[in-house]
PDB file of N, CA and C in Angstrom:
ATOM      1  N   UNK A   1     143.542  82.269 128.312  1.00  0.00           N
ATOM      2  CA  UNK A   1     141.945  82.183 128.218  1.00  0.00           C
ATOM      3  C   UNK A   1     141.858  80.771 128.077  1.00  0.00           C
ATOM      4  N   UNK A   2     142.826  79.911 128.957  1.00  0.00           N
ATOM      5  CA  UNK A   2     142.546  78.151 128.841  1.00  0.00           C
ATOM      6  C   UNK A   2     141.693  77.789 129.840  1.00  0.00           C
ATOM      7  N   UNK A   3     142.027  76.623 130.348  1.00  0.00           N
ATOM      8  CA  UNK A   3     141.154  76.065 131.633  1.00  0.00           C
ATOM      9  C   UNK A   3     141.556  76.546 132.840  1.00  0.00           C
ATOM     10  N   UNK A   4     140.826  76.146 133.892  1.00  0.00           N
ATOM     11  CA  UNK A   4     141.339  76.794 135.466  1.00  0.00           C
ATOM     12  C   UNK A   4     142.194  75.808 135.722  1.00  0.00           C
ATOM     13  N   UNK A   5     143.247  76.479 136.497  1.00  0.00           N
ATOM     14  CA  UNK A   5     144.696  75.578 137.205  1.00  0.00           C
ATOM     15  C   UNK A   5     143.915  75.269 138.516  1.00  0.00           C
ATOM     16  N   UNK A   6     144.878  74.879 139.006  1.00  0.00           N
ATOM     17  CA  UNK A   6     144.685  74.173 140.431  1.00  0.00           C
ATOM     18  C   UNK A   6     144.510  75.443 141.540  1.00  0.00           C
ATOM     19  N   UNK A   7     144.942  76.515 141.324  1.00  0.00           N
ATOM     20  CA  UNK A   7     145.420  77.467 141.904  1.00  0.00           C
ATOM     21  C   UNK A   7     144.012  78.349 142.092  1.00  0.00           C
ATOM     22  N   UNK A   8     143.477  78.273 140.853  1.00  0.00           N
ATOM     23  CA  UNK A   8     142.029  78.700 141.087  1.00  0.00           C
ATOM     24  C   UNK A   8     140.974  78.161 141.585  1.00  0.00           C
ATOM     25  N   UNK A   9     140.911  76.874 141.499  1.00  0.00           N
ATOM     26  CA  UNK A   9     139.850  76.141 142.148  1.00  0.00           C
ATOM     27  C   UNK A   9     140.128  76.438 143.595  1.00  0.00           C
ATOM     28  N   UNK A  10     141.282  76.391 144.148  1.00  0.00           N
ATOM     29  CA  UNK A  10     141.827  76.702 145.205  1.00  0.00           C
ATOM     30  C   UNK A  10     141.321  77.973 146.201  1.00  0.00           C
ATOM     31  N   UNK A  11     141.371  78.885 145.242  1.00  0.00           N
ATOM     32  CA  UNK A  11     140.907  80.225 145.460  1.00  0.00           C
ATOM     33  C   UNK A  11     139.634  79.992 145.845  1.00  0.00           C
ATOM     34  N   UNK A  12     138.571  79.515 144.659  1.00  0.00           N
ATOM     35  CA  UNK A  12     137.216  79.381 144.755  1.00  0.00           C
ATOM     36  C   UNK A  12     136.668  78.813 145.943  1.00  0.00           C
ATOM     37  N   UNK A  13     137.353  77.751 146.425  1.00  0.00           N
ATOM     38  CA  UNK A  13     137.192  76.696 147.643  1.00  0.00           C
ATOM     39  C   UNK A  13     137.446  77.492 148.741  1.00  0.00           C
ATOM     40  N   UNK A  14     138.567  78.474 148.858  1.00  0.00           N
ATOM     41  CA  UNK A  14     138.821  79.369 149.975  1.00  0.00           C
ATOM     42  C   UNK A  14     137.439  80.429 150.318  1.00  0.00           C
ATOM     43  N   UNK A  15     137.388  81.302 149.213  1.00  0.00           N
ATOM     44  CA  UNK A  15     136.211  81.950 149.399  1.00  0.00           C
ATOM     45  C   UNK A  15     134.885  81.307 149.806  1.00  0.00           C
ATOM     46  N   UNK A  16     134.669  79.908 149.135  1.00  0.00           N
ATOM     47  CA  UNK A  16     132.989  79.366 149.362  1.00  0.00           C
ATOM     48  C   UNK A  16     133.189  79.028 151.082  1.00  0.00           C
ATOM     49  N   UNK A  17     134.511  78.694 151.421  1.00  0.00           N
ATOM     50  CA  UNK A  17     134.634  78.426 153.001  1.00  0.00           C
ATOM     51  C   UNK A  17     134.422  79.606 154.008  1.00  0.00           C
ATOM     52  N   UNK A  18     134.942  80.704 153.373  1.00  0.00           N
ATOM     53  CA  UNK A  18     134.759  82.106 154.111  1.00  0.00           C
ATOM     54  C   UNK A  18     133.172  82.382 154.134  1.00  0.00           C
ATOM     55  N   UNK A  19     132.877  82.267 152.907  1.00  0.00           N
ATOM     56  CA  UNK A  19     131.471  82.387 153.029  1.00  0.00           C
ATOM     57  C   UNK A  19     130.460  82.094 153.780  1.00  0.00           C
ATOM     58  N   UNK A  20     130.316  80.966 153.585  1.00  0.00           N
ATOM     59  CA  UNK A  20     129.478  79.906 154.272  1.00  0.00           C
ATOM     60  C   UNK A  20     130.011  79.281 155.356  1.00  0.00           C
ATOM     61  N   UNK A  21     131.273  79.078 155.682  1.00  0.00           N
ATOM     62  CA  UNK A  21     131.737  78.456 156.712  1.00  0.00           C
ATOM     63  C   UNK A  21     131.540  77.070 157.003  1.00  0.00           C
ATOM     64  N   UNK A  22     132.447  76.161 157.713  1.00  0.00           N
ATOM     65  CA  UNK A  22     132.535  74.926 157.746  1.00  0.00           C
ATOM     66  C   UNK A  22     131.521  74.145 158.368  1.00  0.00           C
ATOM     67  N   UNK A  23     130.956  74.514 159.409  1.00  0.00           N
ATOM     68  CA  UNK A  23     129.951  73.895 159.977  1.00  0.00           C
ATOM     69  C   UNK A  23     128.741  74.154 158.942  1.00  0.00           C
ATOM     70  N   UNK A  24     128.572  74.849 158.271  1.00  0.00           N
ATOM     71  CA  UNK A  24     127.205  75.151 156.895  1.00  0.00           C
ATOM     72  C   UNK A  24     127.465  74.188 155.879  1.00  0.00           C
ATOM     73  N   UNK A  25     128.727  74.338 155.381  1.00  0.00           N
ATOM     74  CA  UNK A  25     129.018  73.314 154.523  1.00  0.00           C
ATOM     75  C   UNK A  25     128.706  71.873 155.160  1.00  0.00           C
ATOM     76  N   UNK A  26     129.246  71.631 156.129  1.00  0.00           N
ATOM     77  CA  UNK A  26     129.202  70.042 156.832  1.00  0.00           C
ATOM     78  C   UNK A  26     127.666  69.817 156.690  1.00  0.00           C
ATOM     79  N   UNK A  27     126.745  70.805 157.585  1.00  0.00           N
ATOM     80  CA  UNK A  27     125.676  70.511 157.375  1.00  0.00           C
ATOM     81  C   UNK A  27     124.861  70.176 156.029  1.00  0.00           C
ATOM     82  N   UNK A  28     125.347  70.871 154.820  1.00  0.00           N
ATOM     83  CA  UNK A  28     124.840  70.722 153.751  1.00  0.00           C
ATOM     84  C   UNK A  28     125.119  69.680 153.038  1.00  0.00           C
ATOM     85  N   UNK A  29     126.723  69.121 153.501  1.00  0.00           N
ATOM     86  CA  UNK A  29     126.854  67.772 153.009  1.00  0.00           C
ATOM     87  C   UNK A  29     126.254  66.354 153.489  1.00  0.00           C
ATOM     88  N   UNK A  30     125.792  66.887 154.842  1.00  0.00           N
ATOM     89  CA  UNK A  30     125.276  65.380 155.427  1.00  0.00           C
ATOM     90  C   UNK A  30     123.602  65.619 154.861  1.00  0.00           C
ATOM     91  N   UNK A  31     123.031  66.567 154.863  1.00  0.00           N
ATOM     92  CA  UNK A  31     121.535  66.919 154.406  1.00  0.00           C
ATOM     93  C   UNK A  31     121.750  65.838 153.023  1.00  0.00           C
ATOM     94  N   UNK A  32     122.594  66.309 152.001  1.00  0.00           N
ATOM     95  CA  UNK A  32     122.678  65.761 150.622  1.00  0.00           C
ATOM     96  C   UNK A  32     122.767  64.391 150.969  1.00  0.00           C
ATOM     97  N   UNK A  33     123.970  63.883 151.780  1.00  0.00           N
ATOM     98  CA  UNK A  33     123.868  62.151 151.528  1.00  0.00           C
ATOM     99  C   UNK A  33     122.580  61.650 152.441  1.00  0.00           C
ATOM    100  N   UNK A  34     121.734  62.559 153.200  1.00  0.00           N
ATOM    101  CA  UNK A  34     120.728  61.821 153.656  1.00  0.00           C
ATOM    102  C   UNK A  34     119.824  61.618 152.643  1.00  0.00           C
ATOM    103  N   UNK A  35     119.402  62.726 151.950  1.00  0.00           N
ATOM    104  CA  UNK A  35     118.897  62.730 150.706  1.00  0.00           C
ATOM    105  C   UNK A  35     118.986  61.555 149.893  1.00  0.00           C
ATOM    106  N   UNK A  36     120.222  61.459 149.427  1.00  0.00           N
ATOM    107  CA  UNK A  36     120.535  60.650 148.368  1.00  0.00           C
ATOM    108  C   UNK A  36     120.492  59.209 149.062  1.00  0.00           C
ATOM    109  N   UNK A  37     120.662  58.883 150.333  1.00  0.00           N
ATOM    110  CA  UNK A  37     120.119  57.363 150.958  1.00  0.00           C
ATOM    111  C   UNK A  37     118.871  56.983 150.893  1.00  0.00           C
ATOM    112  N   UNK A  38     117.978  58.222 151.263  1.00  0.00           N
ATOM    113  CA  UNK A  38     116.311  57.828 151.087  1.00  0.00           C
ATOM    114  C   UNK A  38     115.810  57.735 149.730  1.00  0.00           C
ATOM    115  N   UNK A  39     116.638  58.188 148.728  1.00  0.00           N
ATOM    116  CA  UNK A  39     116.136  57.561 147.655  1.00  0.00           C
ATOM    117  C   UNK A  39     116.527  56.303 147.109  1.00  0.00           C
ATOM    118  N   UNK A  40     117.810  56.125 147.473  1.00  0.00           N
ATOM    119  CA  UNK A  40     118.131  54.946 147.316  1.00  0.00           C
ATOM    120  C   UNK A  40     117.250  53.696 147.913  1.00  0.00           C
ATOM    121  N   UNK A  41     116.824  54.263 149.254  1.00  0.00           N
ATOM    122  CA  UNK A  41     116.254  52.987 149.933  1.00  0.00           C
ATOM    123  C   UNK A  41     114.601  52.994 149.010  1.00  0.00           C
ATOM    124  N   UNK A  42     114.182  54.040 148.663  1.00  0.00           N
ATOM    125  CA  UNK A  42     113.128  54.215 148.157  1.00  0.00           C
ATOM    126  C   UNK A  42     112.836  53.713 146.557  1.00  0.00           C
ATOM    127  N   UNK A  43     113.978  53.588 146.150  1.00  0.00           N
ATOM    128  CA  UNK A  43     114.018  52.868 144.576  1.00  0.00           C
ATOM    129  C   UNK A  43     114.379  51.490 144.915  1.00  0.00           C
ATOM    130  N   UNK A  44     114.606  51.332 146.066  1.00  0.00           N
ATOM    131  CA  UNK A  44     115.192  49.739 146.569  1.00  0.00           C
ATOM    132  C   UNK A  44     113.680  48.891 146.870  1.00  0.00           C
ATOM    133  N   UNK A  45     112.836  49.651 147.696  1.00  0.00           N
ATOM    134  CA  UNK A  45     111.590  49.335 148.343  1.00  0.00           C
ATOM    135  C   UNK A  45     110.641  49.248 146.909  1.00  0.00           C
ATOM    136  N   UNK A  46     110.539  50.101 145.825  1.00  0.00           N
ATOM    137  CA  UNK A  46     109.803  50.109 144.872  1.00  0.00           C
ATOM    138  C   UNK A  46     110.328  48.662 143.932  1.00  0.00           C
ATOM    139  N   UNK A  47     111.547  48.331 143.697  1.00  0.00           N
ATOM    140  CA  UNK A  47     111.903  47.054 143.126  1.00  0.00           C
ATOM    141  C   UNK A  47     111.525  46.204 143.568  1.00  0.00           C
ATOM    142  N   UNK A  48     111.321  45.750 145.371  1.00  0.00           N
ATOM    143  CA  UNK A  48     111.206  44.640 145.852  1.00  0.00           C
ATOM    144  C   UNK A  48     109.489  44.513 145.819  1.00  0.00           C
ATOM    145  N   UNK A  49     108.953  45.531 145.747  1.00  0.00           N
ATOM    146  CA  UNK A  49     107.536  45.483 145.319  1.00  0.00           C
ATOM    147  C   UNK A  49     107.123  45.071 144.297  1.00  0.00           C
ATOM    148  N   UNK A  50     107.794  45.603 143.311  1.00  0.00           N
ATOM    149  CA  UNK A  50     107.428  45.096 141.891  1.00  0.00           C
ATOM    150  C   UNK A  50     107.624  43.630 141.667  1.00  0.00           C
ATOM    151  N   UNK A  51     108.784  43.072 142.344  1.00  0.00           N
ATOM    152  CA  UNK A  51     109.024  41.568 142.301  1.00  0.00           C
ATOM    153  C   UNK A  51     108.204  40.708 143.196  1.00  0.00           C
ATOM    154  N   UNK A  52     107.675  41.447 144.024  1.00  0.00           N
ATOM    155  CA  UNK A  52     106.715  40.504 144.822  1.00  0.00           C
ATOM    156  C   UNK A  52     105.109  40.439 144.388  1.00  0.00           C
ATOM    157  N   UNK A  53     104.776  41.567 143.452  1.00  0.00           N
ATOM    158  CA  UNK A  53     103.794  41.491 142.682  1.00  0.00           C
ATOM    159  C   UNK A  53     103.976  40.283 141.579  1.00  0.00           C
ATOM    160  N   UNK A  54     104.894  40.489 141.224  1.00  0.00           N
ATOM    161  CA  UNK A  54     105.053  39.732 139.718  1.00  0.00           C
ATOM    162  C   UNK A  54     105.076  38.250 140.297  1.00  0.00           C
ATOM    163  N   UNK A  55     105.998  37.832 141.325  1.00  0.00           N
ATOM    164  CA  UNK A  55     106.000  36.648 141.901  1.00  0.00           C
ATOM    165  C   UNK A  55     104.736  35.965 142.416  1.00  0.00           C
ATOM    166  N   UNK A  56     103.814  36.892 142.717  1.00  0.00           N
ATOM    167  CA  UNK A  56     102.470  36.274 143.230  1.00  0.00           C
ATOM    168  C   UNK A  56     101.521  36.285 142.043  1.00  0.00           C
ATOM    169  N   UNK A  57     101.606  36.572 140.977  1.00  0.00           N
ATOM    170  CA  UNK A  57     101.036  36.173 139.744  1.00  0.00           C
ATOM    171  C   UNK A  57      99.977  37.407 139.441  1.00  0.00           C
ATOM    172  N   UNK A  58      99.863  38.543 140.442  1.00  0.00           N
ATOM    173  CA  UNK A  58      98.777  39.620 140.146  1.00  0.00           C
ATOM    174  C   UNK A  58      99.120  40.342 138.862  1.00  0.00           C
ATOM    175  N   UNK A  59     100.300  40.377 138.221  1.00  0.00           N
ATOM    176  CA  UNK A  59     100.610  40.784 137.008  1.00  0.00           C
ATOM    177  C   UNK A  59     101.090  39.934 136.028  1.00  0.00           C
ATOM    178  N   UNK A  60     100.596  39.952 134.914  1.00  0.00           N
ATOM    179  CA  UNK A  60     100.971  38.469 134.130  1.00  0.00           C
ATOM    180  C   UNK A  60     101.778  39.249 133.090  1.00  0.00           C
ATOM    181  N   UNK A  61     102.849  38.384 132.333  1.00  0.00           N
ATOM    182  CA  UNK A  61     103.724  38.840 131.608  1.00  0.00           C
ATOM    183  C   UNK A  61     102.922  39.360 130.401  1.00  0.00           C
ATOM    184  N   UNK A  62     103.404  40.747 129.844  1.00  0.00           N
ATOM    185  CA  UNK A  62     102.996  41.342 128.805  1.00  0.00           C
ATOM    186  C   UNK A  62     101.666  42.371 129.132  1.00  0.00           C
ATOM    187  N   UNK A  63     101.347  42.637 130.362  1.00  0.00           N
ATOM    188  CA  UNK A  63     100.354  43.388 130.654  1.00  0.00           C
ATOM    189  C   UNK A  63      99.769  43.210 132.336  1.00  0.00           C
ATOM    190  N   UNK A  64      99.283  44.273 132.470  1.00  0.00           N
ATOM    191  CA  UNK A  64      98.378  44.365 133.625  1.00  0.00           C
ATOM    192  C   UNK A  64      96.929  44.170 134.067  1.00  0.00           C
ATOM    193  N   UNK A  65      96.502  43.588 134.819  1.00  0.00           N
ATOM    194  CA  UNK A  65      95.058  43.316 134.787  1.00  0.00           C
ATOM    195  C   UNK A  65      94.367  43.772 135.782  1.00  0.00           C
ATOM    196  N   UNK A  66      93.674  44.760 135.249  1.00  0.00           N
ATOM    197  CA  UNK A  66      92.803  45.841 136.401  1.00  0.00           C
ATOM    198  C   UNK A  66      91.343  45.446 136.234  1.00  0.00           C
ATOM    199  N   UNK A  67      90.949  45.002 137.392  1.00  0.00           N
ATOM    200  CA  UNK A  67      89.382  44.545 137.416  1.00  0.00           C
ATOM    201  C   UNK A  67      88.751  45.920 138.151  1.00  0.00           C
ATOM    202  N   UNK A  68      87.373  45.851 137.761  1.00  0.00           N
ATOM    203  CA  UNK A  68      86.528  46.846 137.932  1.00  0.00           C
ATOM    204  C   UNK A  68      85.064  46.636 137.355  1.00  0.00           C
ATOM    205  N   UNK A  69      84.188  47.497 137.924  1.00  0.00           N
ATOM    206  CA  UNK A  69      82.592  47.350 137.617  1.00  0.00           C
ATOM    207  C   UNK A  69      81.862  48.886 137.649  1.00  0.00           C
ATOM    208  N   UNK A  70      81.340  48.640 136.348  1.00  0.00           N
ATOM    209  CA  UNK A  70      80.651  50.117 136.007  1.00  0.00           C
ATOM    210  C   UNK A  70      78.951  49.798 137.004  1.00  0.00           C
ATOM    211  N   UNK A  71      79.042  50.617 138.057  1.00  0.00           N
ATOM    212  CA  UNK A  71      78.068  50.745 138.633  1.00  0.00           C
ATOM    213  C   UNK A  71      76.767  51.303 137.805  1.00  0.00           C
ATOM    214  N   UNK A  72      77.147  52.894 137.414  1.00  0.00           N
ATOM    215  CA  UNK A  72      75.937  53.624 136.650  1.00  0.00           C
ATOM    216  C   UNK A  72      76.625  54.303 135.605  1.00  0.00           C
ATOM    217  N   UNK A  73      76.050  54.083 134.228  1.00  0.00           N
ATOM    218  CA  UNK A  73      76.527  54.858 133.262  1.00  0.00           C
ATOM    219  C   UNK A  73      75.555  55.574 132.857  1.00  0.00           C
ATOM    220  N   UNK A  74      75.774  57.212 132.973  1.00  0.00           N
ATOM    221  CA  UNK A  74      74.742  58.362 132.887  1.00  0.00           C
ATOM    222  C   UNK A  74      75.328  58.996 131.882  1.00  0.00           C
ATOM    223  N   UNK A  75      74.696  58.852 131.037  1.00  0.00           N
ATOM    224  CA  UNK A  75      74.908  60.177 129.791  1.00  0.00           C
ATOM    225  C   UNK A  75      73.977  61.705 129.770  1.00  0.00           C
ATOM    226  N   UNK A  76      74.622  62.506 129.650  1.00  0.00           N
ATOM    227  CA  UNK A  76      74.039  63.776 129.914  1.00  0.00           C
ATOM    228  C   UNK A  76      74.547  64.740 128.513  1.00  0.00           C
ATOM    229  N   UNK A  77      73.337  65.296 128.068  1.00  0.00           N
ATOM    230  CA  UNK A  77      73.419  66.164 127.019  1.00  0.00           C
ATOM    231  C   UNK A  77      73.509  67.519 127.513  1.00  0.00           C
ATOM    232  N   UNK A  78      74.754  68.167 127.343  1.00  0.00           N
ATOM    233  CA  UNK A  78      74.705  69.810 127.848  1.00  0.00           C
ATOM    234  C   UNK A  78      74.300  70.625 126.579  1.00  0.00           C
TER     235      UNK A  78
END
């Protein structure tokens, strides 16, 4: 009732290959790799955008400046 040995893992791997086939597993692997690559590129572009905004002075240290104007303020009693 201890841990699984290497032979147990090999049998599990063999069953998975028999069920899904090598082509399907290869497609799953490439799709997963593409998703991870896309995620990393997205995170990198977010970091670069934040760095550019900070360097341009749009965001001051300690907070963010939001500009806006209230055009019409109506209160309704329901």
